[in-house]
Amino acid sequence: MSGRGVWLRARARLRRFPAALAACGDQAAAYGRCVAAAAAGPAELRRDACLEEFQALRECFARAVRLCPS
């Protein structure tokens, strides 16, 4: 396998990222709000504090990538 093929596939995936992000704006905003709220204040940010929001964002990205043309 050539190194060039790996980079071509990676670039193709990265080109689809803006469309996927645009399709998942609500989920990204909800995750961002959750992380900001969890990080605010004196308590440390806990692992899995925003797991539900992250999973919703991840599922949305997966759907959007399947629907976006390559």
PDB file of N, CA and C in Angstrom:
ATOM      1  N   MET A   1       0.852  -1.172   0.000  1.00  0.00           N
ATOM      2  CA  MET A   1       0.000   0.000   0.000  1.00  0.00           C
ATOM      3  C   MET A   1       0.895   1.231   0.000  1.00  0.00           C
ATOM      4  N   SER A   2       0.566   2.158  -0.834  1.00  0.00           N
ATOM      5  CA  SER A   2       1.396   3.349  -0.922  1.00  0.00           C
ATOM      6  C   SER A   2       0.957   4.389   0.095  1.00  0.00           C
ATOM      7  N   GLY A   3       1.891   5.199   0.520  1.00  0.00           N
ATOM      8  CA  GLY A   3       1.584   6.284   1.437  1.00  0.00           C
ATOM      9  C   GLY A   3       0.673   7.314   0.790  1.00  0.00           C
ATOM     10  N   ARG A   4       0.786   7.453  -0.519  1.00  0.00           N
ATOM     11  CA  ARG A   4      -0.033   8.426  -1.238  1.00  0.00           C
ATOM     12  C   ARG A   4      -1.522   8.091  -1.126  1.00  0.00           C
ATOM     13  N   GLY A   5      -1.868   6.822  -1.214  1.00  0.00           N
ATOM     14  CA  GLY A   5      -3.263   6.401  -1.117  1.00  0.00           C
ATOM     15  C   GLY A   5      -3.873   6.731   0.237  1.00  0.00           C
ATOM     16  N   VAL A   6      -3.079   6.587   1.274  1.00  0.00           N
ATOM     17  CA  VAL A   6      -3.552   6.907   2.617  1.00  0.00           C
ATOM     18  C   VAL A   6      -3.895   8.384   2.710  1.00  0.00           C
ATOM     19  N   TRP A   7      -3.012   9.237   2.198  1.00  0.00           N
ATOM     20  CA  TRP A   7      -3.259  10.683   2.256  1.00  0.00           C
ATOM     21  C   TRP A   7      -4.446  11.091   1.403  1.00  0.00           C
ATOM     22  N   LEU A   8      -4.630  10.450   0.268  1.00  0.00           N
ATOM     23  CA  LEU A   8      -5.776  10.779  -0.584  1.00  0.00           C
ATOM     24  C   LEU A   8      -7.086  10.442   0.120  1.00  0.00           C
ATOM     25  N   ARG A   9      -7.133   9.299   0.808  1.00  0.00           N
ATOM     26  CA  ARG A   9      -8.342   8.926   1.541  1.00  0.00           C
ATOM     27  C   ARG A   9      -8.583   9.864   2.722  1.00  0.00           C
ATOM     28  N   ALA A  10      -7.522  10.236   3.404  1.00  0.00           N
ATOM     29  CA  ALA A  10      -7.660  11.158   4.537  1.00  0.00           C
ATOM     30  C   ALA A  10      -8.168  12.516   4.065  1.00  0.00           C
ATOM     31  N   ARG A  11      -7.639  13.010   2.975  1.00  0.00           N
ATOM     32  CA  ARG A  11      -8.099  14.303   2.435  1.00  0.00           C
ATOM     33  C   ARG A  11      -9.563  14.230   2.016  1.00  0.00           C
ATOM     34  N   ALA A  12      -9.962  13.123   1.438  1.00  0.00           N
ATOM     35  CA  ALA A  12     -11.356  12.967   1.014  1.00  0.00           C
ATOM     36  C   ALA A  12     -12.282  13.018   2.228  1.00  0.00           C
ATOM     37  N   ARG A  13     -11.884  12.370   3.322  1.00  0.00           N
ATOM     38  CA  ARG A  13     -12.704  12.418   4.543  1.00  0.00           C
ATOM     39  C   ARG A  13     -12.753  13.830   5.104  1.00  0.00           C
ATOM     40  N   LEU A  14     -11.631  14.515   5.103  1.00  0.00           N
ATOM     41  CA  LEU A  14     -11.590  15.877   5.646  1.00  0.00           C
ATOM     42  C   LEU A  14     -12.422  16.849   4.812  1.00  0.00           C
ATOM     43  N   ARG A  15     -12.518  16.623   3.518  1.00  0.00           N
ATOM     44  CA  ARG A  15     -13.341  17.493   2.669  1.00  0.00           C
ATOM     45  C   ARG A  15     -14.822  17.385   3.015  1.00  0.00           C
ATOM     46  N   ARG A  16     -15.237  16.229   3.529  1.00  0.00           N
ATOM     47  CA  ARG A  16     -16.642  16.046   3.896  1.00  0.00           C
ATOM     48  C   ARG A  16     -16.969  16.620   5.266  1.00  0.00           C
ATOM     49  N   PHE A  17     -15.957  16.925   6.070  1.00  0.00           N
ATOM     50  CA  PHE A  17     -16.183  17.376   7.438  1.00  0.00           C
ATOM     51  C   PHE A  17     -17.023  18.647   7.535  1.00  0.00           C
ATOM     52  N   PRO A  18     -16.771  19.703   6.747  1.00  0.00           N
ATOM     53  CA  PRO A  18     -17.597  20.915   6.874  1.00  0.00           C
ATOM     54  C   PRO A  18     -19.085  20.663   6.626  1.00  0.00           C
ATOM     55  N   ALA A  19     -19.404  19.827   5.667  1.00  0.00           N
ATOM     56  CA  ALA A  19     -20.808  19.520   5.391  1.00  0.00           C
ATOM     57  C   ALA A  19     -21.427  18.736   6.552  1.00  0.00           C
ATOM     58  N   ALA A  20     -20.659  17.818   7.112  1.00  0.00           N
ATOM     59  CA  ALA A  20     -21.160  17.040   8.248  1.00  0.00           C
ATOM     60  C   ALA A  20     -21.367  17.947   9.460  1.00  0.00           C
ATOM     61  N   LEU A  21     -20.437  18.851   9.681  1.00  0.00           N
ATOM     62  CA  LEU A  21     -20.570  19.779  10.806  1.00  0.00           C
ATOM     63  C   LEU A  21     -21.779  20.688  10.617  1.00  0.00           C
ATOM     64  N   ALA A  22     -21.998  21.154   9.411  1.00  0.00           N
ATOM     65  CA  ALA A  22     -23.150  22.017   9.137  1.00  0.00           C
ATOM     66  C   ALA A  22     -24.457  21.259   9.361  1.00  0.00           C
ATOM     67  N   ALA A  23     -24.463  19.979   9.033  1.00  0.00           N
ATOM     68  CA  ALA A  23     -25.672  19.181   9.206  1.00  0.00           C
ATOM     69  C   ALA A  23     -25.936  18.864  10.672  1.00  0.00           C
ATOM     70  N   CYS A  24     -24.915  18.986  11.515  1.00  0.00           N
ATOM     71  CA  CYS A  24     -25.045  18.609  12.930  1.00  0.00           C
ATOM     72  C   CYS A  24     -24.843  19.801  13.852  1.00  0.00           C
ATOM     73  N   GLY A  25     -25.217  20.970  13.408  1.00  0.00           N
ATOM     74  CA  GLY A  25     -25.010  22.183  14.192  1.00  0.00           C
ATOM     75  C   GLY A  25     -25.704  22.164  15.538  1.00  0.00           C
ATOM     76  N   ASP A  26     -26.921  21.661  15.581  1.00  0.00           N
ATOM     77  CA  ASP A  26     -27.657  21.626  16.852  1.00  0.00           C
ATOM     78  C   ASP A  26     -26.974  20.706  17.862  1.00  0.00           C
ATOM     79  N   GLN A  27     -26.541  19.546  17.403  1.00  0.00           N
ATOM     80  CA  GLN A  27     -25.883  18.594  18.294  1.00  0.00           C
ATOM     81  C   GLN A  27     -24.518  19.129  18.746  1.00  0.00           C
ATOM     82  N   ALA A  28     -23.797  19.783  17.823  1.00  0.00           N
ATOM     83  CA  ALA A  28     -22.493  20.351  18.187  1.00  0.00           C
ATOM     84  C   ALA A  28     -22.663  21.462  19.215  1.00  0.00           C
ATOM     85  N   ALA A  29     -23.683  22.287  19.046  1.00  0.00           N
ATOM     86  CA  ALA A  29     -23.934  23.369  20.000  1.00  0.00           C
ATOM     87  C   ALA A  29     -24.319  22.809  21.365  1.00  0.00           C
ATOM     88  N   ALA A  30     -25.141  21.772  21.394  1.00  0.00           N
ATOM     89  CA  ALA A  30     -25.548  21.164  22.657  1.00  0.00           C
ATOM     90  C   ALA A  30     -24.338  20.564  23.376  1.00  0.00           C
ATOM     91  N   TYR A  31     -23.463  19.910  22.638  1.00  0.00           N
ATOM     92  CA  TYR A  31     -22.259  19.338  23.239  1.00  0.00           C
ATOM     93  C   TYR A  31     -21.350  20.445  23.767  1.00  0.00           C
ATOM     94  N   GLY A  32     -21.179  21.497  22.990  1.00  0.00           N
ATOM     95  CA  GLY A  32     -20.353  22.617  23.418  1.00  0.00           C
ATOM     96  C   GLY A  32     -20.891  23.283  24.676  1.00  0.00           C
ATOM     97  N   ARG A  33     -22.210  23.468  24.733  1.00  0.00           N
ATOM     98  CA  ARG A  33     -22.816  24.054  25.936  1.00  0.00           C
ATOM     99  C   ARG A  33     -22.600  23.166  27.151  1.00  0.00           C
ATOM    100  N   CYS A  34     -22.743  21.862  26.958  1.00  0.00           N
ATOM    101  CA  CYS A  34     -22.558  20.922  28.061  1.00  0.00           C
ATOM    102  C   CYS A  34     -21.120  20.962  28.577  1.00  0.00           C
ATOM    103  N   VAL A  35     -20.155  20.940  27.670  1.00  0.00           N
ATOM    104  CA  VAL A  35     -18.750  20.973  28.079  1.00  0.00           C
ATOM    105  C   VAL A  35     -18.435  22.287  28.774  1.00  0.00           C
ATOM    106  N   ALA A  36     -18.930  23.400  28.238  1.00  0.00           N
ATOM    107  CA  ALA A  36     -18.684  24.701  28.861  1.00  0.00           C
ATOM    108  C   ALA A  36     -19.284  24.764  30.257  1.00  0.00           C
ATOM    109  N   ALA A  37     -20.483  24.241  30.414  1.00  0.00           N
ATOM    110  CA  ALA A  37     -21.129  24.252  31.724  1.00  0.00           C
ATOM    111  C   ALA A  37     -20.405  23.326  32.704  1.00  0.00           C
ATOM    112  N   ALA A  38     -19.959  22.171  32.212  1.00  0.00           N
ATOM    113  CA  ALA A  38     -19.271  21.217  33.080  1.00  0.00           C
ATOM    114  C   ALA A  38     -17.892  21.730  33.489  1.00  0.00           C
ATOM    115  N   ALA A  39     -17.259  22.527  32.625  1.00  0.00           N
ATOM    116  CA  ALA A  39     -15.920  23.032  32.925  1.00  0.00           C
ATOM    117  C   ALA A  39     -15.956  24.310  33.752  1.00  0.00           C
ATOM    118  N   ALA A  40     -17.103  24.953  33.816  1.00  0.00           N
ATOM    119  CA  ALA A  40     -17.218  26.195  34.581  1.00  0.00           C
ATOM    120  C   ALA A  40     -17.259  25.874  36.071  1.00  0.00           C
ATOM    121  N   GLY A  41     -16.763  26.769  36.837  1.00  0.00           N
ATOM    122  CA  GLY A  41     -16.829  26.588  38.281  1.00  0.00           C
ATOM    123  C   GLY A  41     -15.595  25.912  38.832  1.00  0.00           C
ATOM    124  N   PRO A  42     -15.604  25.668  40.107  1.00  0.00           N
ATOM    125  CA  PRO A  42     -14.413  25.128  40.771  1.00  0.00           C
ATOM    126  C   PRO A  42     -14.192  23.630  40.545  1.00  0.00           C
ATOM    127  N   ALA A  43     -15.216  22.898  40.183  1.00  0.00           N
ATOM    128  CA  ALA A  43     -15.077  21.449  40.009  1.00  0.00           C
ATOM    129  C   ALA A  43     -14.319  21.141  38.721  1.00  0.00           C
ATOM    130  N   GLU A  44     -13.615  20.023  38.733  1.00  0.00           N
ATOM    131  CA  GLU A  44     -12.902  19.585  37.537  1.00  0.00           C
ATOM    132  C   GLU A  44     -13.882  18.951  36.555  1.00  0.00           C
ATOM    133  N   LEU A  45     -13.532  19.008  35.305  1.00  0.00           N
ATOM    134  CA  LEU A  45     -14.329  18.365  34.265  1.00  0.00           C
ATOM    135  C   LEU A  45     -14.185  16.855  34.414  1.00  0.00           C
ATOM    136  N   ARG A  46     -15.312  16.178  34.554  1.00  0.00           N
ATOM    137  CA  ARG A  46     -15.312  14.725  34.727  1.00  0.00           C
ATOM    138  C   ARG A  46     -15.431  14.014  33.386  1.00  0.00           C
ATOM    139  N   ARG A  47     -14.819  12.864  33.312  1.00  0.00           N
ATOM    140  CA  ARG A  47     -14.957  12.029  32.117  1.00  0.00           C
ATOM    141  C   ARG A  47     -16.420  11.609  32.001  1.00  0.00           C
ATOM    142  N   ASP A  48     -16.931  11.587  30.808  1.00  0.00           N
ATOM    143  CA  ASP A  48     -18.308  11.186  30.501  1.00  0.00           C
ATOM    144  C   ASP A  48     -19.351  12.149  31.062  1.00  0.00           C
ATOM    145  N   ALA A  49     -18.937  13.369  31.422  1.00  0.00           N
ATOM    146  CA  ALA A  49     -19.893  14.345  31.932  1.00  0.00           C
ATOM    147  C   ALA A  49     -20.916  14.705  30.857  1.00  0.00           C
ATOM    148  N   CYS A  50     -20.504  14.683  29.621  1.00  0.00           N
ATOM    149  CA  CYS A  50     -21.386  15.054  28.499  1.00  0.00           C
ATOM    150  C   CYS A  50     -21.498  13.899  27.504  1.00  0.00           C
ATOM    151  N   LEU A  51     -21.525  12.703  28.019  1.00  0.00           N
ATOM    152  CA  LEU A  51     -21.531  11.515  27.170  1.00  0.00           C
ATOM    153  C   LEU A  51     -22.760  11.460  26.266  1.00  0.00           C
ATOM    154  N   GLU A  52     -23.924  11.786  26.806  1.00  0.00           N
ATOM    155  CA  GLU A  52     -25.155  11.726  26.009  1.00  0.00           C
ATOM    156  C   GLU A  52     -25.085  12.683  24.822  1.00  0.00           C
ATOM    157  N   GLU A  53     -24.620  13.902  25.069  1.00  0.00           N
ATOM    158  CA  GLU A  53     -24.506  14.904  24.000  1.00  0.00           C
ATOM    159  C   GLU A  53     -23.446  14.488  22.981  1.00  0.00           C
ATOM    160  N   PHE A  54     -22.329  13.928  23.462  1.00  0.00           N
ATOM    161  CA  PHE A  54     -21.274  13.486  22.559  1.00  0.00           C
ATOM    162  C   PHE A  54     -21.762  12.354  21.664  1.00  0.00           C
ATOM    163  N   GLN A  55     -22.485  11.405  22.244  1.00  0.00           N
ATOM    164  CA  GLN A  55     -22.990  10.287  21.437  1.00  0.00           C
ATOM    165  C   GLN A  55     -23.979  10.770  20.389  1.00  0.00           C
ATOM    166  N   ALA A  56     -24.816  11.742  20.743  1.00  0.00           N
ATOM    167  CA  ALA A  56     -25.752  12.296  19.763  1.00  0.00           C
ATOM    168  C   ALA A  56     -24.994  12.971  18.625  1.00  0.00           C
ATOM    169  N   LEU A  57     -23.927  13.699  18.954  1.00  0.00           N
ATOM    170  CA  LEU A  57     -23.118  14.361  17.928  1.00  0.00           C
ATOM    171  C   LEU A  57     -22.413  13.331  17.058  1.00  0.00           C
ATOM    172  N   ARG A  58     -21.861  12.308  17.666  1.00  0.00           N
ATOM    173  CA  ARG A  58     -21.166  11.264  16.907  1.00  0.00           C
ATOM    174  C   ARG A  58     -22.113  10.541  15.962  1.00  0.00           C
ATOM    175  N   GLU A  59     -23.313  10.231  16.425  1.00  0.00           N
ATOM    176  CA  GLU A  59     -24.299   9.564  15.560  1.00  0.00           C
ATOM    177  C   GLU A  59     -24.718  10.471  14.416  1.00  0.00           C
ATOM    178  N   CYS A  60     -24.875  11.759  14.703  1.00  0.00           N
ATOM    179  CA  CYS A  60     -25.236  12.699  13.647  1.00  0.00           C
ATOM    180  C   CYS A  60     -24.130  12.784  12.594  1.00  0.00           C
ATOM    181  N   PHE A  61     -22.873  12.862  13.036  1.00  0.00           N
ATOM    182  CA  PHE A  61     -21.749  12.874  12.089  1.00  0.00           C
ATOM    183  C   PHE A  61     -21.762  11.616  11.233  1.00  0.00           C
ATOM    184  N   ALA A  62     -21.985  10.471  11.844  1.00  0.00           N
ATOM    185  CA  ALA A  62     -21.979   9.218  11.089  1.00  0.00           C
ATOM    186  C   ALA A  62     -23.074   9.232  10.021  1.00  0.00           C
ATOM    187  N   ARG A  63     -24.273   9.708  10.393  1.00  0.00           N
ATOM    188  CA  ARG A  63     -25.365   9.815   9.420  1.00  0.00           C
ATOM    189  C   ARG A  63     -25.016  10.807   8.317  1.00  0.00           C
ATOM    190  N   ALA A  64     -24.488  11.952   8.690  1.00  0.00           N
ATOM    191  CA  ALA A  64     -24.170  12.994   7.713  1.00  0.00           C
ATOM    192  C   ALA A  64     -23.097  12.539   6.744  1.00  0.00           C
ATOM    193  N   VAL A  65     -22.098  11.825   7.230  1.00  0.00           N
ATOM    194  CA  VAL A  65     -21.014  11.351   6.354  1.00  0.00           C
ATOM    195  C   VAL A  65     -21.555  10.331   5.359  1.00  0.00           C
ATOM    196  N   ARG A  66     -22.475   9.482   5.811  1.00  0.00           N
ATOM    197  CA  ARG A  66     -23.067   8.508   4.883  1.00  0.00           C
ATOM    198  C   ARG A  66     -23.881   9.205   3.799  1.00  0.00           C
ATOM    199  N   LEU A  67     -24.505  10.324   4.138  1.00  0.00           N
ATOM    200  CA  LEU A  67     -25.374  11.021   3.193  1.00  0.00           C
ATOM    201  C   LEU A  67     -24.621  12.005   2.304  1.00  0.00           C
ATOM    202  N   CYS A  68     -23.455  12.485   2.744  1.00  0.00           N
ATOM    203  CA  CYS A  68     -22.687  13.455   1.964  1.00  0.00           C
ATOM    204  C   CYS A  68     -22.000  12.760   0.810  1.00  0.00           C
ATOM    205  N   PRO A  69     -22.043  13.354  -0.375  1.00  0.00           N
ATOM    206  CA  PRO A  69     -21.341  12.755  -1.502  1.00  0.00           C
ATOM    207  C   PRO A  69     -19.831  12.846  -1.292  1.00  0.00           C
ATOM    208  N   SER A  70     -19.115  11.884  -1.783  1.00  0.00           N
ATOM    209  CA  SER A  70     -17.647  11.854  -1.627  1.00  0.00           C
ATOM    210  C   SER A  70     -16.973  12.850  -2.507  1.00  0.00           C
TER     211      SER A  70
END
